[in-house]
């Protein structure tokens, strides 16, 4: 029995981004917002629109908007993590996605440059669970109870030493990520 698999060719690399065109709605949407792809190692990516008025840097962590959860476009737009959306972790920006522009986020798999906070008191060990942080593009490690916290979004694959004082969003480490 032969199975038929449709192969899709993409116009962009996973690090490519596209600016929005102010003169045409969704101009700059090269791949078709919401489209997903997988690489040869099983990593998964989604082409999304940046809903923010500021750009994302490569390695920034992004979330979906909880207020759009019932909309057809729910998983098409991403924003900075904020308290109401922390449980809707989308993934990691692969390139510098312009304000209101388009680009790829990684939603699943091994990523070498995930933005994390440098802890002040407890080092991040390999295998530590990292979660989104309110109003910050970095993931954080917490040893406090995770009851009521967002689901695990990343597992640290590198250790991060402590720093005095702790710093927000200063380190990039390898992680295994799992967004929606």
C-alpha atoms as a PDB file:
ATOM      1  CA  UNK A   1       0.000   0.000   0.000  1.00  0.00           C
ATOM      2  CA  UNK A   2       1.370   3.379  -0.946  1.00  0.00           C
ATOM      3  CA  UNK A   3       0.549   6.509   0.993  1.00  0.00           C
ATOM      4  CA  UNK A   4       0.444   9.840  -0.727  1.00  0.00           C
ATOM      5  CA  UNK A   5       2.192  12.679   1.025  1.00  0.00           C
ATOM      6  CA  UNK A   6       1.893  16.201  -0.255  1.00  0.00           C
ATOM      7  CA  UNK A   7       5.134  18.123  -0.004  1.00  0.00           C
ATOM      8  CA  UNK A   8       4.838  21.836   0.534  1.00  0.00           C
ATOM      9  CA  UNK A   9       7.523  24.244  -0.597  1.00  0.00           C
ATOM     10  CA  UNK A  10       7.983  27.383   1.483  1.00  0.00           C
ATOM     11  CA  UNK A  11       9.103  30.752   0.153  1.00  0.00           C
ATOM     12  CA  UNK A  12      10.937  31.654   3.345  1.00  0.00           C
ATOM     13  CA  UNK A  13      13.625  30.268   5.627  1.00  0.00           C
ATOM     14  CA  UNK A  14      12.617  29.745   9.262  1.00  0.00           C
ATOM     15  CA  UNK A  15      14.608  32.855  10.209  1.00  0.00           C
ATOM     16  CA  UNK A  16      12.974  35.071   7.551  1.00  0.00           C
ATOM     17  CA  UNK A  17      10.514  37.806   8.513  1.00  0.00           C
ATOM     18  CA  UNK A  18       8.267  40.168   6.594  1.00  0.00           C
ATOM     19  CA  UNK A  19       7.135  43.693   7.400  1.00  0.00           C
ATOM     20  CA  UNK A  20       3.454  44.531   7.218  1.00  0.00           C
ATOM     21  CA  UNK A  21       2.382  46.865   4.430  1.00  0.00           C
ATOM     22  CA  UNK A  22       0.334  49.736   5.849  1.00  0.00           C
ATOM     23  CA  UNK A  23      -1.415  50.178   2.491  1.00  0.00           C
ATOM     24  CA  UNK A  24      -2.832  46.664   2.237  1.00  0.00           C
ATOM     25  CA  UNK A  25      -4.335  44.395   4.880  1.00  0.00           C
ATOM     26  CA  UNK A  26      -2.102  41.353   5.477  1.00  0.00           C
ATOM     27  CA  UNK A  27       0.378  42.406   2.804  1.00  0.00           C
ATOM     28  CA  UNK A  28       3.648  40.893   3.893  1.00  0.00           C
ATOM     29  CA  UNK A  29       1.937  37.636   4.825  1.00  0.00           C
ATOM     30  CA  UNK A  30       4.140  35.580   2.503  1.00  0.00           C
ATOM     31  CA  UNK A  31       3.408  32.076   3.811  1.00  0.00           C
ATOM     32  CA  UNK A  32      -0.206  32.432   4.948  1.00  0.00           C
ATOM     33  CA  UNK A  33      -0.620  33.205   8.623  1.00  0.00           C
ATOM     34  CA  UNK A  34      -1.135  30.092  10.757  1.00  0.00           C
ATOM     35  CA  UNK A  35       0.743  27.755   8.393  1.00  0.00           C
ATOM     36  CA  UNK A  36       2.911  25.168  10.137  1.00  0.00           C
ATOM     37  CA  UNK A  37       6.020  23.312   9.043  1.00  0.00           C
ATOM     38  CA  UNK A  38       8.345  20.667  10.401  1.00  0.00           C
ATOM     39  CA  UNK A  39      12.061  20.243   9.816  1.00  0.00           C
ATOM     40  CA  UNK A  40      14.060  17.053   9.380  1.00  0.00           C
ATOM     41  CA  UNK A  41      14.640  16.765  13.158  1.00  0.00           C
ATOM     42  CA  UNK A  42      10.948  16.986  14.062  1.00  0.00           C
ATOM     43  CA  UNK A  43      11.056  20.631  15.225  1.00  0.00           C
ATOM     44  CA  UNK A  44       7.784  22.430  14.496  1.00  0.00           C
ATOM     45  CA  UNK A  45       7.226  26.051  13.424  1.00  0.00           C
ATOM     46  CA  UNK A  46       4.245  28.359  12.798  1.00  0.00           C
ATOM     47  CA  UNK A  47       4.089  31.471  10.558  1.00  0.00           C
ATOM     48  CA  UNK A  48       2.459  34.191  12.707  1.00  0.00           C
ATOM     49  CA  UNK A  49       1.685  37.879  12.854  1.00  0.00           C
ATOM     50  CA  UNK A  50       3.254  40.024  15.582  1.00  0.00           C
ATOM     51  CA  UNK A  51       0.289  41.769  17.235  1.00  0.00           C
ATOM     52  CA  UNK A  52       2.580  44.183  19.103  1.00  0.00           C
ATOM     53  CA  UNK A  53       3.600  47.719  18.122  1.00  0.00           C
ATOM     54  CA  UNK A  54       7.225  46.741  18.858  1.00  0.00           C
ATOM     55  CA  UNK A  55       9.433  44.149  17.175  1.00  0.00           C
ATOM     56  CA  UNK A  56      10.364  40.781  18.671  1.00  0.00           C
ATOM     57  CA  UNK A  57      14.031  39.792  18.726  1.00  0.00           C
ATOM     58  CA  UNK A  58      15.172  36.320  17.728  1.00  0.00           C
ATOM     59  CA  UNK A  59      14.927  34.158  20.860  1.00  0.00           C
ATOM     60  CA  UNK A  60      12.061  36.136  22.428  1.00  0.00           C
ATOM     61  CA  UNK A  61       9.268  34.051  23.940  1.00  0.00           C
ATOM     62  CA  UNK A  62       5.736  34.851  22.796  1.00  0.00           C
ATOM     63  CA  UNK A  63       2.170  33.923  23.790  1.00  0.00           C
ATOM     64  CA  UNK A  64      -1.234  33.824  22.138  1.00  0.00           C
ATOM     65  CA  UNK A  65      -3.924  36.286  23.291  1.00  0.00           C
ATOM     66  CA  UNK A  66      -6.438  34.702  25.705  1.00  0.00           C
ATOM     67  CA  UNK A  67      -9.089  37.267  24.706  1.00  0.00           C
ATOM     68  CA  UNK A  68      -9.018  35.794  21.160  1.00  0.00           C
ATOM     69  CA  UNK A  69      -9.394  32.182  22.263  1.00  0.00           C
ATOM     70  CA  UNK A  70     -12.721  31.703  20.441  1.00  0.00           C
ATOM     71  CA  UNK A  71     -11.686  33.548  17.300  1.00  0.00           C
ATOM     72  CA  UNK A  72     -10.778  31.665  14.129  1.00  0.00           C
ATOM     73  CA  UNK A  73      -7.497  33.587  14.109  1.00  0.00           C
ATOM     74  CA  UNK A  74      -6.561  32.567  17.683  1.00  0.00           C
ATOM     75  CA  UNK A  75      -3.240  30.883  16.819  1.00  0.00           C
ATOM     76  CA  UNK A  76      -2.337  33.336  14.061  1.00  0.00           C
ATOM     77  CA  UNK A  77      -1.177  36.304  16.147  1.00  0.00           C
ATOM     78  CA  UNK A  78       1.340  36.424  18.990  1.00  0.00           C
ATOM     79  CA  UNK A  79       2.266  38.997  21.605  1.00  0.00           C
ATOM     80  CA  UNK A  80       4.535  39.584  24.576  1.00  0.00           C
ATOM     81  CA  UNK A  81       3.684  37.384  27.565  1.00  0.00           C
ATOM     82  CA  UNK A  82       1.230  39.137  29.921  1.00  0.00           C
ATOM     83  CA  UNK A  83      -0.455  37.741  33.023  1.00  0.00           C
ATOM     84  CA  UNK A  84      -3.720  36.682  31.325  1.00  0.00           C
ATOM     85  CA  UNK A  85      -1.889  34.890  28.510  1.00  0.00           C
ATOM     86  CA  UNK A  86       0.976  33.085  30.272  1.00  0.00           C
ATOM     87  CA  UNK A  87      -0.831  29.739  30.020  1.00  0.00           C
ATOM     88  CA  UNK A  88      -1.009  30.169  26.225  1.00  0.00           C
ATOM     89  CA  UNK A  89       2.709  29.954  25.482  1.00  0.00           C
ATOM     90  CA  UNK A  90       3.192  29.946  21.704  1.00  0.00           C
ATOM     91  CA  UNK A  91       6.941  29.501  21.321  1.00  0.00           C
ATOM     92  CA  UNK A  92      10.162  31.295  20.399  1.00  0.00           C
ATOM     93  CA  UNK A  93      10.639  33.922  17.657  1.00  0.00           C
ATOM     94  CA  UNK A  94      13.067  32.581  15.056  1.00  0.00           C
ATOM     95  CA  UNK A  95      13.958  35.990  13.626  1.00  0.00           C
ATOM     96  CA  UNK A  96      13.484  39.668  14.478  1.00  0.00           C
ATOM     97  CA  UNK A  97       9.764  39.881  13.666  1.00  0.00           C
ATOM     98  CA  UNK A  98       8.902  43.530  12.923  1.00  0.00           C
ATOM     99  CA  UNK A  99       6.100  45.374  14.718  1.00  0.00           C
ATOM    100  CA  UNK A 100       2.807  44.182  13.186  1.00  0.00           C
ATOM    101  CA  UNK A 101       4.895  42.072  10.794  1.00  0.00           C
ATOM    102  CA  UNK A 102       5.159  38.360  10.114  1.00  0.00           C
ATOM    103  CA  UNK A 103       7.641  35.611  10.862  1.00  0.00           C
ATOM    104  CA  UNK A 104       8.231  32.088  12.106  1.00  0.00           C
ATOM    105  CA  UNK A 105       8.058  30.960  15.727  1.00  0.00           C
ATOM    106  CA  UNK A 106       9.277  27.576  16.879  1.00  0.00           C
ATOM    107  CA  UNK A 107       6.505  25.758  18.729  1.00  0.00           C
ATOM    108  CA  UNK A 108       8.158  22.416  19.475  1.00  0.00           C
ATOM    109  CA  UNK A 109      11.627  20.930  19.722  1.00  0.00           C
ATOM    110  CA  UNK A 110      15.267  21.728  20.403  1.00  0.00           C
ATOM    111  CA  UNK A 111      16.206  25.420  20.250  1.00  0.00           C
ATOM    112  CA  UNK A 112      19.709  26.730  20.963  1.00  0.00           C
ATOM    113  CA  UNK A 113      18.958  30.384  21.846  1.00  0.00           C
ATOM    114  CA  UNK A 114      15.946  30.690  24.149  1.00  0.00           C
ATOM    115  CA  UNK A 115      15.923  33.926  26.171  1.00  0.00           C
ATOM    116  CA  UNK A 116      15.942  33.282  29.942  1.00  0.00           C
ATOM    117  CA  UNK A 117      16.308  35.278  33.145  1.00  0.00           C
ATOM    118  CA  UNK A 118      19.604  34.920  34.985  1.00  0.00           C
ATOM    119  CA  UNK A 119      18.576  33.843  38.495  1.00  0.00           C
ATOM    120  CA  UNK A 120      19.719  35.606  41.642  1.00  0.00           C
ATOM    121  CA  UNK A 121      19.560  32.819  44.231  1.00  0.00           C
ATOM    122  CA  UNK A 122      19.038  29.395  42.634  1.00  0.00           C
ATOM    123  CA  UNK A 123      20.957  28.338  39.543  1.00  0.00           C
ATOM    124  CA  UNK A 124      19.111  26.829  36.593  1.00  0.00           C
ATOM    125  CA  UNK A 125      20.184  23.188  36.312  1.00  0.00           C
ATOM    126  CA  UNK A 126      19.922  21.017  33.233  1.00  0.00           C
ATOM    127  CA  UNK A 127      16.386  19.601  33.276  1.00  0.00           C
ATOM    128  CA  UNK A 128      14.833  22.599  35.070  1.00  0.00           C
ATOM    129  CA  UNK A 129      11.329  23.565  33.969  1.00  0.00           C
ATOM    130  CA  UNK A 130      11.080  27.105  32.591  1.00  0.00           C
ATOM    131  CA  UNK A 131       7.846  29.095  32.288  1.00  0.00           C
ATOM    132  CA  UNK A 132       6.838  32.477  30.786  1.00  0.00           C
ATOM    133  CA  UNK A 133       7.125  35.571  32.923  1.00  0.00           C
ATOM    134  CA  UNK A 134       4.654  38.454  33.049  1.00  0.00           C
ATOM    135  CA  UNK A 135       5.627  41.400  30.804  1.00  0.00           C
ATOM    136  CA  UNK A 136       9.026  39.883  29.937  1.00  0.00           C
ATOM    137  CA  UNK A 137      10.169  38.137  26.748  1.00  0.00           C
ATOM    138  CA  UNK A 138      12.297  35.689  28.765  1.00  0.00           C
ATOM    139  CA  UNK A 139      11.423  32.408  30.437  1.00  0.00           C
ATOM    140  CA  UNK A 140      12.076  32.029  34.143  1.00  0.00           C
ATOM    141  CA  UNK A 141      12.914  29.226  36.512  1.00  0.00           C
ATOM    142  CA  UNK A 142      10.958  28.960  39.705  1.00  0.00           C
ATOM    143  CA  UNK A 143      11.332  26.589  42.615  1.00  0.00           C
ATOM    144  CA  UNK A 144       8.085  27.810  44.110  1.00  0.00           C
ATOM    145  CA  UNK A 145       4.999  25.638  43.785  1.00  0.00           C
ATOM    146  CA  UNK A 146       3.857  25.429  40.181  1.00  0.00           C
ATOM    147  CA  UNK A 147       0.207  25.022  41.249  1.00  0.00           C
ATOM    148  CA  UNK A 148      -1.816  27.387  39.108  1.00  0.00           C
ATOM    149  CA  UNK A 149       1.244  28.293  37.038  1.00  0.00           C
ATOM    150  CA  UNK A 150       1.397  27.858  33.272  1.00  0.00           C
ATOM    151  CA  UNK A 151       2.204  24.410  31.956  1.00  0.00           C
ATOM    152  CA  UNK A 152       5.875  23.649  31.416  1.00  0.00           C
ATOM    153  CA  UNK A 153       6.970  25.486  28.305  1.00  0.00           C
ATOM    154  CA  UNK A 154      10.625  24.573  28.160  1.00  0.00           C
ATOM    155  CA  UNK A 155      13.167  22.288  29.736  1.00  0.00           C
ATOM    156  CA  UNK A 156      16.648  23.745  30.202  1.00  0.00           C
ATOM    157  CA  UNK A 157      19.325  21.793  28.336  1.00  0.00           C
ATOM    158  CA  UNK A 158      22.104  24.031  29.689  1.00  0.00           C
ATOM    159  CA  UNK A 159      22.858  25.236  33.193  1.00  0.00           C
ATOM    160  CA  UNK A 160      22.762  28.936  34.145  1.00  0.00           C
ATOM    161  CA  UNK A 161      24.729  30.162  37.158  1.00  0.00           C
ATOM    162  CA  UNK A 162      23.351  32.730  39.564  1.00  0.00           C
ATOM    163  CA  UNK A 163      24.215  36.411  39.337  1.00  0.00           C
ATOM    164  CA  UNK A 164      24.008  39.218  41.860  1.00  0.00           C
ATOM    165  CA  UNK A 165      21.769  40.946  41.232  1.00  0.00           C
ATOM    166  CA  UNK A 166      19.467  38.692  39.203  1.00  0.00           C
ATOM    167  CA  UNK A 167      18.957  39.979  35.673  1.00  0.00           C
ATOM    168  CA  UNK A 168      15.915  39.791  33.468  1.00  0.00           C
ATOM    169  CA  UNK A 169      16.205  38.384  29.969  1.00  0.00           C
ATOM    170  CA  UNK A 170      19.986  38.391  29.729  1.00  0.00           C
ATOM    171  CA  UNK A 171      20.818  34.795  28.973  1.00  0.00           C
ATOM    172  CA  UNK A 172      20.205  32.578  25.967  1.00  0.00           C
ATOM    173  CA  UNK A 173      20.412  28.840  26.454  1.00  0.00           C
ATOM    174  CA  UNK A 174      19.516  25.621  24.687  1.00  0.00           C
ATOM    175  CA  UNK A 175      16.073  24.314  25.642  1.00  0.00           C
ATOM    176  CA  UNK A 176      13.500  21.821  24.533  1.00  0.00           C
ATOM    177  CA  UNK A 177      10.358  23.902  24.023  1.00  0.00           C
ATOM    178  CA  UNK A 178       6.707  22.928  23.801  1.00  0.00           C
ATOM    179  CA  UNK A 179       4.282  25.680  22.864  1.00  0.00           C
ATOM    180  CA  UNK A 180       0.701  25.386  21.683  1.00  0.00           C
END
